[in-house]
């Protein structure tokens, strides 16, 4: 939950920086062919800042979309990259979202812990226990 909130806030910040520097970028682009005016270093700096903000926005937005996909499937990154069996804890997109963010809509946007229905040790599953297969022994040597 907190990582997705962090990514969301980072995207909003990058979009804010991009939009706030846009007027200076447009003003700087209008004087590109005018060699009688001196170079405005503030416009040049805003152009560079806008390019950096645009690249960060794209990268962070991609990372946010990937993690939203993981929340919708109730998977970790390792489960997504591993086998294609899917997650045994996939309860559907809506219930998966509630399992991560909780039911209190105000806490979805605030960095506060959610009141989750699970105890943190056992979780609801979409399959029964025998279908999950044998558990690996943590002390077994390969």
Protein backbone atom coordinates (compact mmCIF):
# COMPACT_ATOMS: atom_id res chain seq x y z
CA UNK A 1 0.00 0.00 0.00
CA UNK A 2 2.65 2.50 1.03
CA UNK A 3 4.81 1.86 -2.04
CA UNK A 4 1.86 2.42 -4.38
CA UNK A 5 1.01 5.61 -2.51
CA UNK A 6 4.64 6.74 -2.81
CA UNK A 7 4.60 6.08 -6.56
CA UNK A 8 1.28 7.92 -6.94
CA UNK A 9 2.59 10.94 -5.07
CA UNK A 10 5.80 10.86 -7.15
CA UNK A 11 3.78 10.87 -10.40
CA UNK A 12 1.68 13.79 -9.14
CA UNK A 13 4.83 15.71 -8.19
CA UNK A 14 6.44 15.09 -11.58
CA UNK A 15 3.28 16.19 -13.41
CA UNK A 16 3.12 19.31 -11.22
CA UNK A 17 6.76 20.20 -12.00
CA UNK A 18 6.15 19.53 -15.69
CA UNK A 19 3.05 21.71 -15.85
CA UNK A 20 4.52 24.51 -13.73
CA UNK A 21 7.57 24.79 -15.99
CA UNK A 22 5.55 24.56 -19.20
CA UNK A 23 4.94 28.30 -19.55
CA UNK A 24 8.67 29.03 -19.38
CA UNK A 25 9.38 26.29 -21.91
CA UNK A 26 6.86 27.78 -24.34
CA UNK A 27 8.34 31.25 -23.84
CA UNK A 28 11.83 29.88 -24.43
CA UNK A 29 10.75 28.05 -27.59
CA UNK A 30 9.21 31.21 -29.05
CA UNK A 31 12.61 32.96 -29.05
CA UNK A 32 14.58 30.13 -30.68
CA UNK A 33 15.10 31.83 -34.06
CA UNK A 34 15.49 35.33 -32.64
CA UNK A 35 19.23 36.03 -32.51
CA UNK A 36 18.78 39.67 -31.45
CA UNK A 37 17.68 38.67 -27.93
CA UNK A 38 20.17 37.23 -25.46
CA UNK A 39 19.71 33.65 -24.35
CA UNK A 40 17.40 33.42 -21.36
CA UNK A 41 19.11 30.97 -19.00
CA UNK A 42 15.99 30.59 -16.85
CA UNK A 43 14.04 29.32 -19.87
CA UNK A 44 16.85 26.93 -20.73
CA UNK A 45 16.91 25.61 -17.17
CA UNK A 46 13.13 25.16 -17.22
CA UNK A 47 13.40 23.23 -20.49
CA UNK A 48 15.95 20.88 -18.97
CA UNK A 49 13.84 20.52 -15.83
CA UNK A 50 10.77 19.76 -17.96
CA UNK A 51 12.65 17.06 -19.89
CA UNK A 52 13.86 15.47 -16.66
CA UNK A 53 10.35 15.64 -15.16
CA UNK A 54 8.90 14.10 -18.32
CA UNK A 55 11.36 11.20 -18.23
CA UNK A 56 10.78 10.61 -14.51
CA UNK A 57 7.01 10.75 -15.03
CA UNK A 58 7.21 8.08 -17.71
CA UNK A 59 9.39 5.76 -15.64
CA UNK A 60 7.48 6.14 -12.39
CA UNK A 61 4.14 5.85 -14.20
CA UNK A 62 5.28 2.56 -15.73
CA UNK A 63 6.33 1.28 -12.29
CA UNK A 64 3.00 2.40 -10.79
CA UNK A 65 1.01 0.65 -13.52
CA UNK A 66 2.98 -2.56 -12.97
CA UNK A 67 2.36 -2.54 -9.22
CA UNK A 68 -1.34 -1.78 -9.68
CA UNK A 69 -1.45 -4.85 -11.92
CA UNK A 70 0.17 -6.86 -9.13
CA UNK A 71 -2.38 -5.62 -6.59
CA UNK A 72 -5.24 -6.52 -8.95
CA UNK A 73 -3.88 -10.10 -9.16
CA UNK A 74 -2.79 -10.17 -5.47
CA UNK A 75 0.74 -11.23 -6.39
CA UNK A 76 4.26 -10.28 -5.42
CA UNK A 77 6.91 -9.43 -7.99
CA UNK A 78 8.56 -12.83 -7.56
CA UNK A 79 5.25 -14.64 -8.08
CA UNK A 80 4.63 -12.62 -11.25
CA UNK A 81 8.07 -13.41 -12.67
CA UNK A 82 7.98 -17.04 -11.57
CA UNK A 83 5.58 -19.75 -12.60
CA UNK A 84 2.39 -19.04 -14.54
CA UNK A 85 0.04 -20.75 -12.12
CA UNK A 86 -1.18 -17.45 -10.75
CA UNK A 87 -1.67 -16.54 -7.15
CA UNK A 88 -3.67 -18.81 -4.87
CA UNK A 89 -4.69 -15.68 -2.99
CA UNK A 90 -6.34 -14.01 -6.00
CA UNK A 91 -9.84 -13.13 -4.83
CA UNK A 92 -10.74 -10.94 -7.82
CA UNK A 93 -9.61 -7.35 -8.50
CA UNK A 94 -12.04 -5.68 -6.11
CA UNK A 95 -11.41 -7.95 -3.11
CA UNK A 96 -7.66 -7.89 -3.80
CA UNK A 97 -7.74 -4.09 -3.68
CA UNK A 98 -9.66 -4.18 -0.39
CA UNK A 99 -7.18 -6.73 0.99
CA UNK A 100 -4.31 -4.30 0.38
CA UNK A 101 -5.91 -0.89 0.97
CA UNK A 102 -8.76 -1.77 3.36
CA UNK A 103 -12.38 -0.64 3.21
CA UNK A 104 -11.92 2.86 4.65
CA UNK A 105 -11.78 5.13 1.58
CA UNK A 106 -10.15 7.98 3.48
CA UNK A 107 -7.15 5.78 4.33
CA UNK A 108 -6.63 4.85 0.67
CA UNK A 109 -4.95 8.21 0.02
CA UNK A 110 -3.33 8.85 3.39
CA UNK A 111 -0.17 7.08 4.55
CA UNK A 112 -1.98 5.47 7.47
CA UNK A 113 -2.16 1.77 8.23
CA UNK A 114 -5.35 0.13 7.04
CA UNK A 115 -7.65 -1.88 9.25
CA UNK A 116 -7.33 -5.15 7.38
CA UNK A 117 -9.61 -8.14 7.94
CA UNK A 118 -6.71 -10.61 8.15
CA UNK A 119 -4.44 -11.15 11.13
CA UNK A 120 -1.19 -10.92 9.14
CA UNK A 121 -0.44 -14.63 9.49
CA UNK A 122 -3.34 -16.32 7.71
CA UNK A 123 -5.02 -15.01 4.59
CA UNK A 124 -8.11 -15.86 2.61
CA UNK A 125 -7.38 -18.02 -0.42
CA UNK A 126 -9.23 -18.73 -3.64
CA UNK A 127 -8.22 -22.43 -3.52
CA UNK A 128 -8.33 -25.00 -0.79
CA UNK A 129 -5.19 -26.05 1.08
CA UNK A 130 -4.56 -29.40 -0.74
CA UNK A 131 -4.60 -27.60 -4.10
CA UNK A 132 -1.73 -25.36 -3.03
CA UNK A 133 0.67 -28.29 -3.18
CA UNK A 134 3.40 -29.28 -0.74
CA UNK A 135 5.29 -26.58 1.07
CA UNK A 136 9.06 -26.50 0.76
CA UNK A 137 11.05 -27.15 3.85
CA UNK A 138 12.97 -23.96 4.63
CA UNK A 139 15.88 -25.94 6.07
CA UNK A 140 16.16 -28.37 3.17
CA UNK A 141 19.40 -28.20 1.23
CA UNK A 142 19.25 -28.25 -2.53
